[in-house]
Protein backbone atom coordinates (compact mmCIF):
# COMPACT_ATOMS: atom_id res chain seq x y z
CA MET A 1 0.06 -0.01 0.03
CA PHE A 2 1.29 3.47 -0.85
CA ARG A 3 1.31 6.25 1.68
CA LEU A 4 0.38 9.50 0.08
CA GLY A 5 0.17 11.85 2.99
CA TRP A 6 3.33 13.49 1.84
CA LEU A 7 1.81 14.83 -1.39
CA ASP A 8 0.48 18.00 0.29
CA ARG A 9 3.95 19.02 1.27
CA TYR A 10 5.28 18.06 -2.24
CA GLN A 11 2.66 20.35 -3.85
CA ASN A 12 3.54 23.11 -1.44
CA LEU A 13 7.23 22.89 -2.31
CA SER A 14 6.43 22.81 -6.01
CA GLU A 15 4.11 25.71 -5.86
CA ARG A 16 6.86 27.83 -4.14
CA GLY A 17 9.36 26.87 -6.86
CA ASP A 18 11.50 24.63 -4.72
CA ARG A 19 12.11 21.86 -7.27
CA ARG A 20 15.05 20.44 -5.38
CA GLY A 21 13.03 20.17 -2.21
CA ALA A 22 10.17 18.52 -4.06
CA PHE A 23 12.46 16.06 -5.72
CA THR A 24 14.20 15.32 -2.44
CA LEU A 25 10.84 14.72 -0.76
CA THR A 26 9.84 12.35 -3.55
CA VAL A 27 13.07 10.37 -3.15
CA LYS A 28 12.70 10.15 0.55
CA GLN A 29 9.11 8.96 0.32
CA SER A 30 9.49 6.64 -2.64
CA GLY A 31 10.06 3.68 -0.57
CA VAL A 32 13.33 2.69 -2.40
CA ALA A 33 15.63 5.34 -0.86
CA PRO A 34 18.35 3.93 1.48
CA ARG A 35 17.00 3.95 5.07
CA LEU A 36 19.67 6.46 6.13
CA LEU A 37 18.49 8.94 3.47
CA ALA A 38 14.76 8.32 4.07
CA ASP A 39 15.28 9.10 7.88
CA MET A 40 17.24 12.37 7.34
CA PRO A 41 15.59 15.70 7.72
CA LEU A 42 14.60 17.20 4.34
CA TRP A 43 17.32 19.89 4.60
CA CYS A 44 20.08 17.28 5.15
CA ALA A 45 18.77 14.86 2.47
CA ARG A 46 18.66 17.84 0.02
CA ALA A 47 22.40 18.54 0.78
CA VAL A 48 23.30 14.96 0.25
CA LEU A 49 21.49 14.69 -3.04
CA ARG A 50 22.96 17.96 -4.19
CA ARG A 51 26.38 16.47 -3.76
CA ALA A 52 25.37 13.08 -5.28
CA ILE A 53 23.49 14.31 -8.36
CA ARG A 54 25.28 16.91 -10.35
CA PRO A 55 25.07 18.23 -13.82
CA ARG A 56 27.56 16.95 -16.39
CA SER A 57 30.49 19.34 -16.75
């Protein structure tokens, strides 16, 4: 069963233009993120993903 309670927060982040925050929330709530990442506060997980996913140079 999928938990969808986080979608309101996702929508709020998206409406404010916080694409990175919305993406991070999706990763955390997807059910496939490593437990360590899923348990991190959003601000911390955002920083980890910023370092891990970078544009090609």
